Amino acid sequence: MDGVSRSAVFPDGWEGILSVDRLDSSIEDFWASVEANYYNGIDSGSGIITETIQNPNGSVSQWRYLDVVFDLKDLGNRVPNQVIKQQLAFMASKRKKVA
């Protein structure tokens, strides 16, 4: 209204990808539960991820992602004698420093 451009930056949540080597059916089992809940009208809720980072100076930083939901991206390629790489995307509403 006064002709001055004002910029603003606001937090818009956090996103990431978790890439894991398949050791067992844990991710398939988890996702089967999420899918069954969805089709039965049950809210799977959200979770928490705690990220721990060893800094170059030897100190440790720890972050907690809150209200986390997952999205299965890739169950991986089944190739004989090779590790199966799986991916879950996550979205979180906030990230708080723990330590």
Protein backbone atom coordinates (compact mmCIF):
# COMPACT_ATOMS: atom_id res chain seq x y z
CA MET A 1 0.00 0.00 0.00
CA ASP A 2 2.91 2.37 0.61
CA GLY A 3 4.93 1.25 -2.46
CA VAL A 4 7.69 -0.45 -0.45
CA SER A 5 8.46 -4.09 -1.32
CA ARG A 6 8.83 -6.22 1.78
CA SER A 7 10.32 -9.70 1.71
CA ALA A 8 9.53 -12.43 4.15
CA VAL A 9 10.91 -15.88 4.81
CA PHE A 10 8.93 -18.35 6.88
CA PRO A 11 9.53 -21.95 7.95
CA ASP A 12 7.78 -24.40 5.66
CA GLY A 13 8.63 -27.76 7.22
CA TRP A 14 11.41 -30.21 6.43
CA GLU A 15 11.76 -32.89 3.78
CA GLY A 16 14.29 -35.59 3.12
CA ILE A 17 15.00 -39.03 1.72
CA LEU A 18 16.08 -42.03 3.76
CA SER A 19 18.06 -44.54 1.69
CA VAL A 20 18.60 -47.92 3.28
CA ASP A 21 20.05 -51.28 2.33
CA ARG A 22 17.37 -53.97 2.61
CA LEU A 23 18.24 -56.38 5.41
CA ASP A 24 14.77 -57.84 5.92
CA SER A 25 11.12 -57.05 5.23
CA SER A 26 10.86 -54.22 7.81
CA ILE A 27 10.11 -51.46 5.30
CA GLU A 28 7.63 -53.60 3.34
CA ASP A 29 5.93 -54.60 6.63
CA PHE A 30 5.76 -50.97 7.79
CA TRP A 31 4.32 -49.81 4.48
CA ALA A 32 1.80 -52.68 4.38
CA SER A 33 0.56 -51.47 7.78
CA VAL A 34 0.29 -47.85 6.58
CA GLU A 35 -1.57 -48.97 3.46
CA ALA A 36 -3.95 -51.25 5.41
CA ASN A 37 -4.70 -48.43 7.86
CA TYR A 38 -5.40 -46.03 5.00
CA TYR A 39 -7.90 -48.37 3.31
CA ASN A 40 -9.55 -49.14 6.65
CA GLY A 41 -10.01 -45.45 7.48
CA ILE A 42 -7.44 -45.48 10.27
CA ASP A 43 -5.01 -42.59 10.71
CA SER A 44 -1.47 -43.93 10.92
CA GLY A 45 -0.42 -40.82 12.81
CA SER A 46 2.99 -39.25 12.67
CA GLY A 47 6.34 -39.96 14.23
CA ILE A 48 9.68 -38.51 15.25
CA ILE A 49 13.13 -38.83 13.69
CA THR A 50 16.21 -38.12 15.79
CA GLU A 51 19.30 -37.25 13.74
CA THR A 52 22.72 -37.46 15.39
CA ILE A 53 25.74 -35.88 13.67
CA GLN A 54 29.39 -36.23 14.68
CA ASN A 55 30.96 -32.84 13.89
CA PRO A 56 34.56 -32.56 12.60
CA ASN A 57 35.70 -31.12 15.96
CA GLY A 58 34.44 -34.25 17.76
CA SER A 59 31.31 -32.64 19.21
CA VAL A 60 27.88 -34.12 18.57
CA SER A 61 24.83 -32.28 17.23
CA GLN A 62 21.42 -33.80 17.61
CA TRP A 63 18.20 -32.73 15.91
CA ARG A 64 14.65 -33.96 16.33
CA TYR A 65 12.17 -33.86 13.43
CA LEU A 66 8.56 -33.67 14.67
CA ASP A 67 5.23 -34.74 13.12
CA VAL A 68 7.02 -36.93 10.57
CA VAL A 69 5.11 -38.75 7.84
CA PHE A 70 6.64 -41.09 5.29
CA ASP A 71 6.12 -41.75 1.60
CA LEU A 72 7.48 -44.96 0.09
CA LYS A 73 9.51 -44.02 -2.97
CA ASP A 74 11.35 -47.18 -4.00
CA LEU A 75 11.40 -50.79 -2.78
CA GLY A 76 14.55 -51.35 -4.84
CA ASN A 77 15.59 -53.59 -7.69
CA ARG A 78 15.88 -57.30 -7.04
CA VAL A 79 19.11 -58.35 -8.74
CA PRO A 80 20.85 -61.60 -7.74
CA ASN A 81 23.88 -61.12 -5.46
CA GLN A 82 23.39 -57.37 -5.12
CA VAL A 83 22.25 -55.21 -2.22
CA ILE A 84 18.69 -53.92 -2.60
CA LYS A 85 18.51 -50.15 -2.05
CA GLN A 86 15.20 -48.82 -0.72
CA GLN A 87 14.01 -45.24 -0.27
CA LEU A 88 11.46 -43.54 1.97
CA ALA A 89 10.77 -39.83 1.67
CA PHE A 90 9.79 -37.97 4.81
CA MET A 91 8.10 -34.70 5.60
CA ALA A 92 8.21 -33.08 9.04
CA SER A 93 6.54 -30.00 10.40
CA LYS A 94 9.46 -28.86 12.59
CA ARG A 95 13.07 -29.55 13.47
CA LYS A 96 14.34 -28.80 16.97
CA LYS A 97 17.90 -28.86 18.26
CA VAL A 98 18.27 -31.42 21.05
CA ALA A 99 22.00 -31.31 21.80
